[in-house]
Amino acid sequence: MVGDKALFVILKSRGLLTVGGKDRVEFLQGLVSNDVRHVSDARCIWAALLTPQGKYLHDFFISENDDKFFLDCEADRLVDLGQRLSRYKLRANVDLGMSEKQSVAVVFGNDVADGLGLGDEVGATKTIDGAIFYKDPRLSALGLRAILDDTKAGEILTNRGFKEGTLDDYERWRLEAGVPDGSRDMIVEKSILLESNFDELNGIDWDKGCFMGQELTARTKYRGLIKKRLVPVRIEGEPPVPGADILFDGKNAGEMRTSCGRAGIALLRLEHLERALAGEGSLSVEGRIILPRKPDWADF
């Protein structure tokens, strides 16, 4: 657990794709799940790119600085995201690039935003010491994210009064909150946003109009077709292999995603989740009991 002092971790697993040009807003607006018109130097959003059939491809944070969008995305899949976006450029005045001299960091723990003047809203953004700081737009409890000069990242964060932590510290913090981490927890070309809690975590704007995959996403919501959800779990024993089958009294009930120590996240069938939460049976993976928990922010 994190102590009284907030921790920071520089995420080597994250990269930055840049989107510039006068048509950048209209370009992204027709592709991603959230409303890009809300992005400014004072606010960022979390969004996803889907297949035309509404299946997950990529998720990323979108912030803006100097008339350019920064997409905080998975480093190992940054080129794939750039290639997919470039297919839709056509004649739009849009410049796609990579920011290789900046790092992404997270700051988490108690009272992380104190003294930064960010306000109370998730997604609130401010440039400080040449770095972009923003409150995680998914969930206030996750803390801050920052985009910083690669050579000064640690110095900037330490000077702000934060202490360097480990990746495991952040993983446990994220998993306890029940928030997914990209393609580690969501299956490319298979997962759907509502099973992955994008609605409650501010990743979808239902009033923005059309985006790629919007029709299936909306139909799933309004017809009540969600049968599974990602939820945080407590593992009674060693962490299981990601993708391992979860059983409810011997019946298939879902599968594991990521875990760190005894904290994990799992995709569970709602019928079995509800019974497990009511104490009407137990969930297990690889012979070990897991205890699910419904987050305070969840709506199911």
C-alpha atoms as a PDB file:
ATOM      1  CA  MET A   1       0.000   0.000   0.000  1.00  0.00           C
ATOM      2  CA  VAL A   2       1.032   3.579  -0.624  1.00  0.00           C
ATOM      3  CA  GLY A   3       1.998   5.585   2.450  1.00  0.00           C
ATOM      4  CA  ASP A   4       1.195   9.172   3.307  1.00  0.00           C
ATOM      5  CA  LYS A   5       3.508  10.553   0.644  1.00  0.00           C
ATOM      6  CA  ALA A   6       2.332  10.343  -2.963  1.00  0.00           C
ATOM      7  CA  LEU A   7       4.450   8.181  -5.259  1.00  0.00           C
ATOM      8  CA  PHE A   8       5.414   8.612  -8.886  1.00  0.00           C
ATOM      9  CA  VAL A   9       6.364   6.038 -11.482  1.00  0.00           C
ATOM     10  CA  ILE A  10       7.679   6.748 -14.972  1.00  0.00           C
ATOM     11  CA  LEU A  11       5.867   4.344 -17.280  1.00  0.00           C
ATOM     12  CA  LYS A  12       8.268   2.869 -19.821  1.00  0.00           C
ATOM     13  CA  SER A  13       5.323   0.953 -21.266  1.00  0.00           C
ATOM     14  CA  ARG A  14       3.688   4.162 -22.538  1.00  0.00           C
ATOM     15  CA  GLY A  15       4.418   6.193 -25.655  1.00  0.00           C
ATOM     16  CA  LEU A  16       3.164   9.451 -27.158  1.00  0.00           C
ATOM     17  CA  LEU A  17       1.594   9.838 -30.577  1.00  0.00           C
ATOM     18  CA  THR A  18       1.061  13.419 -31.730  1.00  0.00           C
ATOM     19  CA  VAL A  19      -1.785  14.694 -33.903  1.00  0.00           C
ATOM     20  CA  GLY A  20      -1.380  18.203 -35.316  1.00  0.00           C
ATOM     21  CA  GLY A  21      -2.868  20.212 -38.163  1.00  0.00           C
ATOM     22  CA  LYS A  22      -5.929  22.429 -38.441  1.00  0.00           C
ATOM     23  CA  ASP A  23      -8.269  19.457 -39.031  1.00  0.00           C
ATOM     24  CA  ARG A  24      -7.093  17.455 -36.017  1.00  0.00           C
ATOM     25  CA  VAL A  25     -10.320  17.897 -34.012  1.00  0.00           C
ATOM     26  CA  GLU A  26     -12.690  16.876 -36.816  1.00  0.00           C
ATOM     27  CA  PHE A  27     -10.364  14.026 -37.789  1.00  0.00           C
ATOM     28  CA  LEU A  28     -10.339  12.366 -34.361  1.00  0.00           C
ATOM     29  CA  GLN A  29     -13.954  13.293 -33.586  1.00  0.00           C
ATOM     30  CA  GLY A  30     -15.316  10.886 -36.192  1.00  0.00           C
ATOM     31  CA  LEU A  31     -13.105   8.022 -35.054  1.00  0.00           C
ATOM     32  CA  VAL A  32     -12.906   7.820 -31.263  1.00  0.00           C
ATOM     33  CA  SER A  33     -15.453   7.079 -28.529  1.00  0.00           C
ATOM     34  CA  ASN A  34     -15.204  10.370 -26.624  1.00  0.00           C
ATOM     35  CA  ASP A  35     -15.825  14.003 -27.565  1.00  0.00           C
ATOM     36  CA  VAL A  36     -12.550  15.493 -28.750  1.00  0.00           C
ATOM     37  CA  ARG A  37     -14.101  18.980 -28.757  1.00  0.00           C
ATOM     38  CA  HIS A  38     -13.787  18.952 -24.960  1.00  0.00           C
ATOM     39  CA  VAL A  39      -9.993  18.624 -25.086  1.00  0.00           C
ATOM     40  CA  SER A  40      -8.046  21.785 -24.331  1.00  0.00           C
ATOM     41  CA  ASP A  41      -4.978  22.911 -22.436  1.00  0.00           C
ATOM     42  CA  ALA A  42      -7.232  22.745 -19.348  1.00  0.00           C
ATOM     43  CA  ARG A  43      -8.865  19.351 -19.919  1.00  0.00           C
ATOM     44  CA  CYS A  44      -7.987  15.890 -21.231  1.00  0.00           C
ATOM     45  CA  ILE A  45     -10.107  12.829 -21.994  1.00  0.00           C
ATOM     46  CA  TRP A  46      -9.819   9.038 -22.222  1.00  0.00           C
ATOM     47  CA  ALA A  47     -11.059   7.441 -25.436  1.00  0.00           C
ATOM     48  CA  ALA A  48     -10.949   4.302 -27.548  1.00  0.00           C
ATOM     49  CA  LEU A  49     -10.577   3.415 -31.213  1.00  0.00           C
ATOM     50  CA  LEU A  50     -12.827   0.535 -32.270  1.00  0.00           C
ATOM     51  CA  THR A  51     -13.331  -1.707 -35.255  1.00  0.00           C
ATOM     52  CA  PRO A  52     -16.367  -0.901 -37.448  1.00  0.00           C
ATOM     53  CA  GLN A  53     -18.063  -3.783 -35.590  1.00  0.00           C
ATOM     54  CA  GLY A  54     -17.537  -2.056 -32.233  1.00  0.00           C
ATOM     55  CA  LYS A  55     -14.666  -4.188 -30.921  1.00  0.00           C
ATOM     56  CA  TYR A  56     -11.718  -2.773 -28.992  1.00  0.00           C
ATOM     57  CA  LEU A  57      -8.528  -1.819 -30.852  1.00  0.00           C
ATOM     58  CA  HIS A  58      -6.752   0.859 -28.783  1.00  0.00           C
ATOM     59  CA  ASP A  59      -7.398   3.164 -25.837  1.00  0.00           C
ATOM     60  CA  PHE A  60      -5.491   6.336 -25.012  1.00  0.00           C
ATOM     61  CA  PHE A  61      -5.544   9.645 -23.169  1.00  0.00           C
ATOM     62  CA  ILE A  62      -5.843  12.803 -25.295  1.00  0.00           C
ATOM     63  CA  SER A  63      -4.335  16.055 -24.025  1.00  0.00           C
ATOM     64  CA  GLU A  64      -3.449  19.249 -25.892  1.00  0.00           C
ATOM     65  CA  ASN A  65      -0.499  21.602 -25.841  1.00  0.00           C
ATOM     66  CA  ASP A  66       0.745  24.149 -28.401  1.00  0.00           C
ATOM     67  CA  ASP A  67      -2.060  23.347 -30.867  1.00  0.00           C
ATOM     68  CA  LYS A  68      -1.196  19.664 -30.911  1.00  0.00           C
ATOM     69  CA  PHE A  69      -2.863  16.611 -29.412  1.00  0.00           C
ATOM     70  CA  PHE A  70      -0.797  14.135 -27.411  1.00  0.00           C
ATOM     71  CA  LEU A  71      -2.124  10.571 -27.355  1.00  0.00           C
ATOM     72  CA  ASP A  72      -0.755   8.719 -24.323  1.00  0.00           C
ATOM     73  CA  CYS A  73      -0.906   5.108 -25.556  1.00  0.00           C
ATOM     74  CA  GLU A  74       0.787   1.717 -25.288  1.00  0.00           C
ATOM     75  CA  ALA A  75       4.398   2.072 -26.471  1.00  0.00           C
ATOM     76  CA  ASP A  76       4.542  -1.410 -27.999  1.00  0.00           C
ATOM     77  CA  ARG A  77       1.432  -0.673 -30.073  1.00  0.00           C
ATOM     78  CA  LEU A  78       2.076   2.982 -30.911  1.00  0.00           C
ATOM     79  CA  VAL A  79       3.087   2.262 -34.517  1.00  0.00           C
ATOM     80  CA  ASP A  80      -0.040   0.164 -35.041  1.00  0.00           C
ATOM     81  CA  LEU A  81      -2.223   2.990 -33.713  1.00  0.00           C
ATOM     82  CA  GLY A  82      -0.481   5.501 -35.969  1.00  0.00           C
ATOM     83  CA  GLN A  83      -0.937   3.280 -39.020  1.00  0.00           C
ATOM     84  CA  ARG A  84      -4.619   2.754 -38.287  1.00  0.00           C
ATOM     85  CA  LEU A  85      -5.232   6.489 -37.880  1.00  0.00           C
ATOM     86  CA  SER A  86      -3.293   7.308 -41.048  1.00  0.00           C
ATOM     87  CA  ARG A  87      -5.708   5.214 -43.098  1.00  0.00           C
ATOM     88  CA  TYR A  88      -8.427   7.755 -42.389  1.00  0.00           C
ATOM     89  CA  LYS A  89      -6.431  10.913 -43.130  1.00  0.00           C
ATOM     90  CA  LEU A  90      -7.487  11.161 -46.780  1.00  0.00           C
ATOM     91  CA  ARG A  91      -7.219  14.881 -47.602  1.00  0.00           C
ATOM     92  CA  ALA A  92      -7.517  16.141 -44.043  1.00  0.00           C
ATOM     93  CA  ASN A  93      -4.920  18.630 -42.866  1.00  0.00           C
ATOM     94  CA  VAL A  94      -3.512  16.358 -40.151  1.00  0.00           C
ATOM     95  CA  ASP A  95       0.064  15.607 -39.136  1.00  0.00           C
ATOM     96  CA  LEU A  96       0.765  12.351 -37.277  1.00  0.00           C
ATOM     97  CA  GLY A  97       4.028  11.896 -35.416  1.00  0.00           C
ATOM     98  CA  MET A  98       5.759  10.491 -32.337  1.00  0.00           C
ATOM     99  CA  SER A  99       7.104  12.409 -29.363  1.00  0.00           C
ATOM    100  CA  GLU A 100      10.300  10.545 -28.518  1.00  0.00           C
ATOM    101  CA  LYS A 101      11.810  13.065 -26.080  1.00  0.00           C
ATOM    102  CA  GLN A 102       8.990  12.974 -23.527  1.00  0.00           C
ATOM    103  CA  SER A 103       7.947  10.441 -20.914  1.00  0.00           C
ATOM    104  CA  VAL A 104       4.627   9.510 -19.333  1.00  0.00           C
ATOM    105  CA  ALA A 105       4.421   9.271 -15.542  1.00  0.00           C
ATOM    106  CA  VAL A 106       1.720   8.523 -12.987  1.00  0.00           C
ATOM    107  CA  VAL A 107       1.431  10.059  -9.528  1.00  0.00           C
ATOM    108  CA  PHE A 108      -0.789   8.296  -7.009  1.00  0.00           C
ATOM    109  CA  GLY A 109      -1.511   8.139  -3.306  1.00  0.00           C
ATOM    110  CA  ASN A 110      -3.060  10.568  -0.867  1.00  0.00           C
ATOM    111  CA  ASP A 111      -3.813  14.179  -1.860  1.00  0.00           C
ATOM    112  CA  VAL A 112      -1.712  13.971  -5.039  1.00  0.00           C
ATOM    113  CA  ALA A 113      -3.128  17.151  -6.570  1.00  0.00           C
ATOM    114  CA  ASP A 114      -2.529  19.361  -3.526  1.00  0.00           C
ATOM    115  CA  GLY A 115      -0.670  22.503  -4.506  1.00  0.00           C
ATOM    116  CA  LEU A 116      -1.012  21.980  -8.251  1.00  0.00           C
ATOM    117  CA  GLY A 117      -4.145  24.085  -8.696  1.00  0.00           C
ATOM    118  CA  LEU A 118      -5.927  21.482 -10.827  1.00  0.00           C
ATOM    119  CA  GLY A 119      -9.365  21.758  -9.239  1.00  0.00           C
ATOM    120  CA  ASP A 120     -11.725  18.902  -8.464  1.00  0.00           C
ATOM    121  CA  GLU A 121     -12.769  17.629 -11.898  1.00  0.00           C
ATOM    122  CA  VAL A 122     -11.295  14.467 -13.407  1.00  0.00           C
ATOM    123  CA  GLY A 123      -9.383  15.309 -16.558  1.00  0.00           C
ATOM    124  CA  ALA A 124      -8.398  18.771 -15.268  1.00  0.00           C
ATOM    125  CA  THR A 125      -5.116  19.737 -16.932  1.00  0.00           C
ATOM    126  CA  LYS A 126      -2.366  22.276 -16.290  1.00  0.00           C
ATOM    127  CA  THR A 127       1.125  22.921 -17.616  1.00  0.00           C
ATOM    128  CA  ILE A 128       3.610  23.209 -14.736  1.00  0.00           C
ATOM    129  CA  ASP A 129       7.409  23.428 -15.013  1.00  0.00           C
ATOM    130  CA  GLY A 130       7.086  22.707 -18.737  1.00  0.00           C
ATOM    131  CA  ALA A 131       5.221  19.454 -18.032  1.00  0.00           C
ATOM    132  CA  ILE A 132       1.571  18.606 -18.689  1.00  0.00           C
ATOM    133  CA  PHE A 133      -0.135  17.393 -15.499  1.00  0.00           C
ATOM    134  CA  TYR A 134      -3.694  16.081 -15.564  1.00  0.00           C
ATOM    135  CA  LYS A 135      -6.033  14.312 -13.210  1.00  0.00           C
ATOM    136  CA  ASP A 136      -6.737  10.835 -14.534  1.00  0.00           C
ATOM    137  CA  PRO A 137      -9.963  11.332 -16.534  1.00  0.00           C
ATOM    138  CA  ARG A 138     -11.182   7.817 -15.710  1.00  0.00           C
ATOM    139  CA  LEU A 139     -11.301   7.971 -11.931  1.00  0.00           C
ATOM    140  CA  SER A 140     -10.189  10.521  -9.348  1.00  0.00           C
ATOM    141  CA  ALA A 141      -8.741   7.813  -7.080  1.00  0.00           C
ATOM    142  CA  LEU A 142      -6.152   6.908  -9.726  1.00  0.00           C
ATOM    143  CA  GLY A 143      -4.364  10.224  -9.189  1.00  0.00           C
ATOM    144  CA  LEU A 144      -2.420  12.168 -11.812  1.00  0.00           C
ATOM    145  CA  ARG A 145      -0.720  11.510 -15.097  1.00  0.00           C
ATOM    146  CA  ALA A 146       2.032  13.688 -16.530  1.00  0.00           C
ATOM    147  CA  ILE A 147       3.880  14.225 -19.796  1.00  0.00           C
ATOM    148  CA  LEU A 148       7.418  15.415 -19.091  1.00  0.00           C
ATOM    149  CA  ASP A 149      10.781  16.026 -20.714  1.00  0.00           C
ATOM    150  CA  ASP A 150      12.493  12.636 -20.808  1.00  0.00           C
ATOM    151  CA  THR A 151      15.733  13.926 -19.288  1.00  0.00           C
ATOM    152  CA  LYS A 152      14.095  15.870 -16.448  1.00  0.00           C
ATOM    153  CA  ALA A 153      11.068  13.743 -15.544  1.00  0.00           C
ATOM    154  CA  GLY A 154      12.381  12.360 -12.261  1.00  0.00           C
ATOM    155  CA  GLU A 155      13.798  15.727 -11.190  1.00  0.00           C
ATOM    156  CA  ILE A 156      10.550  17.592 -11.918  1.00  0.00           C
ATOM    157  CA  LEU A 157       8.442  15.100  -9.971  1.00  0.00           C
ATOM    158  CA  THR A 158      10.836  14.917  -7.032  1.00  0.00           C
ATOM    159  CA  ASN A 159      10.929  18.712  -6.834  1.00  0.00           C
ATOM    160  CA  ARG A 160       7.123  18.719  -6.629  1.00  0.00           C
ATOM    161  CA  GLY A 161       7.417  16.664  -3.420  1.00  0.00           C
ATOM    162  CA  PHE A 162       6.632  13.220  -4.854  1.00  0.00           C
ATOM    163  CA  LYS A 163       8.615  10.096  -4.004  1.00  0.00           C
ATOM    164  CA  GLU A 164       9.620   7.540  -6.627  1.00  0.00           C
ATOM    165  CA  GLY A 165       7.775   4.228  -6.306  1.00  0.00           C
ATOM    166  CA  THR A 166       7.851   0.955  -8.201  1.00  0.00           C
ATOM    167  CA  LEU A 167       5.719  -0.303 -11.051  1.00  0.00           C
ATOM    168  CA  ASP A 168       4.247  -2.916  -8.692  1.00  0.00           C
ATOM    169  CA  ASP A 169       3.134  -0.109  -6.368  1.00  0.00           C
ATOM    170  CA  TYR A 170       1.143   1.427  -9.209  1.00  0.00           C
ATOM    171  CA  GLU A 171      -0.150  -1.906 -10.481  1.00  0.00           C
ATOM    172  CA  ARG A 172      -1.613  -2.756  -7.089  1.00  0.00           C
ATOM    173  CA  TRP A 173      -3.154   0.725  -6.835  1.00  0.00           C
ATOM    174  CA  ARG A 174      -4.768   0.404 -10.289  1.00  0.00           C
ATOM    175  CA  LEU A 175      -5.986  -3.133  -9.735  1.00  0.00           C
ATOM    176  CA  GLU A 176      -7.536  -2.292  -6.373  1.00  0.00           C
ATOM    177  CA  ALA A 177      -9.485   0.438  -8.204  1.00  0.00           C
ATOM    178  CA  GLY A 178     -10.630  -2.107 -10.801  1.00  0.00           C
ATOM    179  CA  VAL A 179      -9.450  -0.125 -13.837  1.00  0.00           C
ATOM    180  CA  PRO A 180      -8.175  -1.925 -16.985  1.00  0.00           C
ATOM    181  CA  ASP A 181      -4.785  -1.317 -18.576  1.00  0.00           C
ATOM    182  CA  GLY A 182      -5.070  -1.409 -22.356  1.00  0.00           C
ATOM    183  CA  SER A 183      -4.607  -4.650 -24.274  1.00  0.00           C
ATOM    184  CA  ARG A 184      -3.353  -6.382 -21.128  1.00  0.00           C
ATOM    185  CA  ASP A 185      -6.931  -6.394 -19.826  1.00  0.00           C
ATOM    186  CA  MET A 186      -8.936  -5.891 -23.013  1.00  0.00           C
ATOM    187  CA  ILE A 187      -8.620  -8.276 -25.942  1.00  0.00           C
ATOM    188  CA  VAL A 188      -7.899  -6.616 -29.280  1.00  0.00           C
ATOM    189  CA  GLU A 189     -10.719  -7.118 -31.821  1.00  0.00           C
ATOM    190  CA  LYS A 190     -12.767  -8.996 -29.222  1.00  0.00           C
ATOM    191  CA  SER A 191     -13.551  -6.907 -26.116  1.00  0.00           C
ATOM    192  CA  ILE A 192     -16.397  -4.399 -26.101  1.00  0.00           C
ATOM    193  CA  LEU A 193     -16.320  -1.097 -24.251  1.00  0.00           C
ATOM    194  CA  LEU A 194     -19.267  -1.614 -21.924  1.00  0.00           C
ATOM    195  CA  GLU A 195     -17.886  -4.909 -20.596  1.00  0.00           C
ATOM    196  CA  SER A 196     -14.659  -2.993 -19.911  1.00  0.00           C
ATOM    197  CA  ASN A 197     -16.419  -0.240 -17.910  1.00  0.00           C
ATOM    198  CA  PHE A 198     -15.763   2.586 -20.375  1.00  0.00           C
ATOM    199  CA  ASP A 199     -19.156   4.113 -19.639  1.00  0.00           C
ATOM    200  CA  GLU A 200     -18.638   4.556 -15.887  1.00  0.00           C
ATOM    201  CA  LEU A 201     -14.980   5.516 -16.391  1.00  0.00           C
ATOM    202  CA  ASN A 202     -15.804   8.467 -18.658  1.00  0.00           C
ATOM    203  CA  GLY A 203     -14.507   6.892 -21.863  1.00  0.00           C
ATOM    204  CA  ILE A 204     -17.680   7.331 -23.961  1.00  0.00           C
ATOM    205  CA  ASP A 205     -19.677  10.434 -24.840  1.00  0.00           C
ATOM    206  CA  TRP A 206     -23.215   9.415 -25.812  1.00  0.00           C
ATOM    207  CA  ASP A 207     -24.081  12.883 -27.149  1.00  0.00           C
ATOM    208  CA  LYS A 208     -21.140  13.453 -29.507  1.00  0.00           C
ATOM    209  CA  GLY A 209     -22.664  11.771 -32.557  1.00  0.00           C
ATOM    210  CA  CYS A 210     -21.213   9.024 -34.698  1.00  0.00           C
ATOM    211  CA  PHE A 211     -17.823   7.420 -34.252  1.00  0.00           C
ATOM    212  CA  MET A 212     -16.405   4.206 -35.622  1.00  0.00           C
ATOM    213  CA  GLY A 213     -18.159   1.266 -33.918  1.00  0.00           C
ATOM    214  CA  GLN A 214     -20.761   3.569 -32.334  1.00  0.00           C
ATOM    215  CA  GLU A 215     -23.802   1.691 -33.622  1.00  0.00           C
ATOM    216  CA  LEU A 216     -22.978  -1.605 -31.917  1.00  0.00           C
ATOM    217  CA  THR A 217     -21.808   0.165 -28.751  1.00  0.00           C
ATOM    218  CA  ALA A 218     -25.081   2.095 -28.468  1.00  0.00           C
ATOM    219  CA  ARG A 219     -27.203  -0.959 -29.253  1.00  0.00           C
ATOM    220  CA  THR A 220     -25.417  -2.920 -26.526  1.00  0.00           C
ATOM    221  CA  LYS A 221     -26.157  -0.181 -24.005  1.00  0.00           C
ATOM    222  CA  TYR A 222     -29.791   0.513 -24.798  1.00  0.00           C
ATOM    223  CA  ARG A 223     -30.813  -3.104 -25.232  1.00  0.00           C
ATOM    224  CA  GLY A 224     -29.115  -4.160 -21.993  1.00  0.00           C
ATOM    225  CA  LEU A 225     -26.968  -6.790 -23.663  1.00  0.00           C
ATOM    226  CA  ILE A 226     -24.037  -6.732 -21.227  1.00  0.00           C
ATOM    227  CA  LYS A 227     -23.453 -10.182 -19.750  1.00  0.00           C
ATOM    228  CA  LYS A 228     -19.889  -9.793 -18.448  1.00  0.00           C
ATOM    229  CA  ARG A 229     -17.851  -7.157 -16.618  1.00  0.00           C
ATOM    230  CA  LEU A 230     -14.256  -6.489 -15.647  1.00  0.00           C
ATOM    231  CA  VAL A 231     -14.100  -6.387 -11.835  1.00  0.00           C
ATOM    232  CA  PRO A 232     -11.344  -6.276  -9.202  1.00  0.00           C
ATOM    233  CA  VAL A 233     -10.633  -9.534  -7.404  1.00  0.00           C
ATOM    234  CA  ARG A 234      -8.592 -10.669  -4.417  1.00  0.00           C
ATOM    235  CA  ILE A 235      -6.530 -13.805  -5.049  1.00  0.00           C
ATOM    236  CA  GLU A 236      -6.078 -16.335  -2.260  1.00  0.00           C
ATOM    237  CA  GLY A 237      -2.614 -17.550  -3.280  1.00  0.00           C
ATOM    238  CA  GLU A 238      -0.153 -17.067  -6.119  1.00  0.00           C
ATOM    239  CA  PRO A 239      -1.167 -14.840  -9.069  1.00  0.00           C
ATOM    240  CA  PRO A 240      -2.777 -16.877 -11.872  1.00  0.00           C
ATOM    241  CA  VAL A 241      -1.787 -16.829 -15.527  1.00  0.00           C
ATOM    242  CA  PRO A 242      -3.570 -14.095 -17.517  1.00  0.00           C
ATOM    243  CA  GLY A 243      -6.354 -15.711 -19.518  1.00  0.00           C
ATOM    244  CA  ALA A 244      -6.824 -18.581 -17.055  1.00  0.00           C
ATOM    245  CA  ASP A 245     -10.406 -19.840 -16.812  1.00  0.00           C
ATOM    246  CA  ILE A 246     -12.405 -18.863 -13.733  1.00  0.00           C
ATOM    247  CA  LEU A 247     -14.919 -21.344 -12.353  1.00  0.00           C
ATOM    248  CA  PHE A 248     -18.013 -20.849 -10.231  1.00  0.00           C
ATOM    249  CA  ASP A 249     -18.787 -24.106  -8.436  1.00  0.00           C
ATOM    250  CA  GLY A 250     -17.263 -25.966 -11.393  1.00  0.00           C
ATOM    251  CA  LYS A 251     -18.931 -23.935 -14.167  1.00  0.00           C
ATOM    252  CA  ASN A 252     -17.073 -21.529 -16.442  1.00  0.00           C
ATOM    253  CA  ALA A 253     -17.605 -18.006 -15.102  1.00  0.00           C
ATOM    254  CA  GLY A 254     -15.015 -15.919 -16.955  1.00  0.00           C
ATOM    255  CA  GLU A 255     -11.260 -15.450 -17.151  1.00  0.00           C
ATOM    256  CA  MET A 256      -8.401 -13.671 -15.440  1.00  0.00           C
ATOM    257  CA  ARG A 257      -6.720 -10.622 -16.819  1.00  0.00           C
ATOM    258  CA  THR A 258      -3.744  -8.939 -15.091  1.00  0.00           C
ATOM    259  CA  SER A 259      -2.712  -9.344 -11.482  1.00  0.00           C
ATOM    260  CA  CYS A 260       0.004  -8.210  -9.078  1.00  0.00           C
ATOM    261  CA  GLY A 261       0.435 -10.053  -5.816  1.00  0.00           C
ATOM    262  CA  ARG A 262      -3.038 -10.780  -4.487  1.00  0.00           C
ATOM    263  CA  ALA A 263      -4.732  -7.975  -6.439  1.00  0.00           C
ATOM    264  CA  GLY A 264      -6.180  -8.730  -9.841  1.00  0.00           C
ATOM    265  CA  ILE A 265      -8.814  -7.907 -12.402  1.00  0.00           C
ATOM    266  CA  ALA A 266     -11.067 -10.458 -14.071  1.00  0.00           C
ATOM    267  CA  LEU A 267     -13.795 -10.629 -16.706  1.00  0.00           C
ATOM    268  CA  LEU A 268     -16.752 -12.314 -14.997  1.00  0.00           C
ATOM    269  CA  ARG A 269     -20.213 -13.325 -16.094  1.00  0.00           C
ATOM    270  CA  LEU A 270     -22.673 -11.151 -14.197  1.00  0.00           C
ATOM    271  CA  GLU A 271     -24.917 -14.074 -13.223  1.00  0.00           C
ATOM    272  CA  HIS A 272     -22.021 -15.778 -11.416  1.00  0.00           C
ATOM    273  CA  LEU A 273     -20.607 -12.523 -10.045  1.00  0.00           C
ATOM    274  CA  GLU A 274     -23.911 -11.642  -8.381  1.00  0.00           C
ATOM    275  CA  ARG A 275     -24.188 -15.046  -6.755  1.00  0.00           C
ATOM    276  CA  ALA A 276     -20.579 -14.926  -5.542  1.00  0.00           C
ATOM    277  CA  LEU A 277     -21.105 -11.456  -4.038  1.00  0.00           C
ATOM    278  CA  ALA A 278     -24.243 -12.782  -2.306  1.00  0.00           C
ATOM    279  CA  GLY A 279     -22.278 -15.682  -0.803  1.00  0.00           C
ATOM    280  CA  GLU A 280     -24.153 -18.305  -2.816  1.00  0.00           C
ATOM    281  CA  GLY A 281     -21.018 -19.984  -4.160  1.00  0.00           C
ATOM    282  CA  SER A 282     -17.313 -19.418  -4.745  1.00  0.00           C
ATOM    283  CA  LEU A 283     -15.108 -18.419  -7.639  1.00  0.00           C
ATOM    284  CA  SER A 284     -11.777 -20.121  -8.285  1.00  0.00           C
ATOM    285  CA  VAL A 285      -8.926 -19.982 -10.798  1.00  0.00           C
ATOM    286  CA  GLU A 286      -6.238 -22.637 -11.156  1.00  0.00           C
ATOM    287  CA  GLY A 287      -7.496 -24.172  -7.916  1.00  0.00           C
ATOM    288  CA  ARG A 288      -7.250 -20.932  -5.923  1.00  0.00           C
ATOM    289  CA  ILE A 289     -10.194 -19.001  -4.503  1.00  0.00           C
ATOM    290  CA  ILE A 290     -10.730 -15.457  -5.775  1.00  0.00           C
ATOM    291  CA  LEU A 291     -12.935 -12.916  -4.071  1.00  0.00           C
ATOM    292  CA  PRO A 292     -14.630 -10.370  -6.374  1.00  0.00           C
ATOM    293  CA  ARG A 293     -15.562  -6.856  -5.371  1.00  0.00           C
ATOM    294  CA  LYS A 294     -17.961  -4.382  -6.931  1.00  0.00           C
ATOM    295  CA  PRO A 295     -16.240  -0.953  -7.115  1.00  0.00           C
ATOM    296  CA  ASP A 296     -18.067   2.069  -5.701  1.00  0.00           C
ATOM    297  CA  TRP A 297     -18.165   3.641  -9.169  1.00  0.00           C
ATOM    298  CA  ALA A 298     -19.623   0.589 -10.959  1.00  0.00           C
ATOM    299  CA  ASP A 299     -23.205   0.555 -12.222  1.00  0.00           C
ATOM    300  CA  PHE A 300     -24.287  -3.079 -12.549  1.00  0.00           C
END
